[in-house]
Amino acid sequence: MSITMVMAGEDVCLPTIGALAEELKTAIAPDATVRLDLSGAASPDLSVIQLVQSARVSAAVLGCDFALSAPADETLRALLARAAFLPASADDTQFWLHGDTAQ
């Protein structure tokens, strides 16, 4: 099984989200395995969450195994909370936090 890694740049946010969107569009395919690494994103904004949510839906429709390579870090967790994504459903907790509900 081959895993395609997609890495977000340090500056990923609304003005630069298009590049990450194109990488995900290329990577997400039927029966593919894709891991998104957001660890380098210094100041992600709501556009990142929106793109990741959209990628999750697209991947599910195509039968693509799509996940984050690591649980959301403190910065992303704070953004998820501000955007009312946390607290989350069990599926969302598994996706964003790899099941870790500790704050």
Protein backbone atom coordinates (compact mmCIF):
# COMPACT_ATOMS: atom_id res chain seq x y z
CA MET A 1 0.00 0.00 0.00
CA SER A 2 1.34 3.38 -1.01
CA ILE A 3 0.63 6.46 1.07
CA THR A 4 0.58 9.90 -0.52
CA MET A 5 1.72 12.60 1.89
CA VAL A 6 0.46 16.13 1.34
CA MET A 7 2.20 18.78 3.40
CA ALA A 8 0.73 22.18 4.17
CA GLY A 9 3.13 25.08 3.96
CA GLU A 10 3.94 27.31 6.90
CA ASP A 11 1.91 30.15 5.41
CA VAL A 12 -1.25 28.19 4.55
CA CYS A 13 -4.24 30.53 4.90
CA LEU A 14 -6.88 32.12 2.66
CA PRO A 15 -4.47 33.91 0.28
CA THR A 16 -2.40 30.73 -0.27
CA ILE A 17 -4.99 27.94 0.19
CA GLY A 18 -5.24 27.32 -3.57
CA ALA A 19 -1.90 25.51 -3.72
CA LEU A 20 -2.92 23.07 -0.97
CA ALA A 21 -6.31 22.59 -2.61
CA GLU A 22 -4.64 21.61 -5.88
CA GLU A 23 -2.34 19.13 -4.12
CA LEU A 24 -5.29 17.50 -2.38
CA LYS A 25 -7.34 17.43 -5.58
CA THR A 26 -4.52 15.55 -7.28
CA ALA A 27 -3.88 13.18 -4.37
CA ILE A 28 -7.45 12.18 -3.52
CA ALA A 29 -8.46 9.36 -5.83
CA PRO A 30 -10.42 6.11 -5.64
CA ASP A 31 -8.74 3.56 -3.35
CA ALA A 32 -5.85 5.94 -2.58
CA THR A 33 -4.40 6.51 0.88
CA VAL A 34 -3.67 10.16 1.63
CA ARG A 35 -2.24 11.72 4.76
CA LEU A 36 -2.33 15.48 5.26
CA ASP A 37 0.43 17.00 7.37
CA LEU A 38 -0.66 20.30 8.92
CA SER A 39 2.18 20.40 11.46
CA GLY A 40 4.04 23.11 9.56
CA ALA A 41 1.07 25.48 9.37
CA ALA A 42 2.03 28.42 11.57
CA SER A 43 -1.23 30.40 11.48
CA PRO A 44 -3.99 28.41 9.80
CA ASP A 45 -7.33 30.13 9.33
CA LEU A 46 -10.88 29.01 8.69
CA SER A 47 -10.09 28.35 5.00
CA VAL A 48 -7.84 25.46 6.10
CA ILE A 49 -10.64 23.83 8.09
CA GLN A 50 -13.07 24.36 5.21
CA LEU A 51 -10.65 22.81 2.72
CA VAL A 52 -9.94 19.82 4.97
CA GLN A 53 -13.66 19.25 5.56
CA SER A 54 -14.28 19.39 1.81
CA ALA A 55 -11.40 16.96 1.20
CA ARG A 56 -12.89 14.56 3.78
CA VAL A 57 -16.21 14.54 1.93
CA SER A 58 -14.58 14.11 -1.48
CA ALA A 59 -12.35 11.32 -0.20
CA ALA A 60 -15.29 9.46 1.33
CA VAL A 61 -17.25 9.63 -1.92
CA LEU A 62 -14.27 8.22 -3.84
CA GLY A 63 -13.38 5.54 -1.32
CA CYS A 64 -10.08 7.24 -0.50
CA ASP A 65 -8.52 6.67 2.93
CA PHE A 66 -7.92 10.30 3.97
CA ALA A 67 -6.63 11.38 7.38
CA LEU A 68 -4.37 13.82 9.14
CA SER A 69 -0.86 12.52 9.65
CA ALA A 70 -0.95 13.69 13.29
CA PRO A 71 -3.57 15.03 15.67
CA ALA A 72 -4.35 18.74 15.49
CA ASP A 73 -1.78 20.75 17.41
CA GLU A 74 -2.63 23.44 19.96
CA THR A 75 -2.98 26.17 17.32
CA LEU A 76 -5.31 24.11 15.14
CA ARG A 77 -7.30 22.92 18.17
CA ALA A 78 -7.87 26.54 19.20
CA LEU A 79 -9.04 27.37 15.67
CA LEU A 80 -11.36 24.35 15.65
CA ALA A 81 -12.83 25.46 18.98
CA ARG A 82 -13.33 29.06 17.76
CA ALA A 83 -15.04 27.74 14.63
CA ALA A 84 -17.34 25.51 16.77
CA PHE A 85 -15.85 22.26 15.47
CA LEU A 86 -14.97 21.29 19.05
CA PRO A 87 -16.40 19.61 20.98
CA ALA A 88 -16.94 17.21 18.14
CA SER A 89 -18.75 14.05 17.18
CA ALA A 90 -16.87 10.77 17.65
CA ASP A 91 -15.97 10.71 13.93
CA ASP A 92 -14.72 14.29 13.99
CA THR A 93 -12.77 13.69 17.19
CA GLN A 94 -11.13 10.68 15.57
CA PHE A 95 -10.27 12.65 12.44
CA TRP A 96 -9.02 15.92 13.95
CA LEU A 97 -7.63 14.68 17.26
CA HIS A 98 -6.97 10.99 16.56
CA GLY A 99 -9.43 10.23 19.34
CA ASP A 100 -7.71 12.38 21.96
CA THR A 101 -10.34 14.37 23.83
CA ALA A 102 -7.99 15.77 26.48
CA GLN A 103 -7.66 19.53 26.35
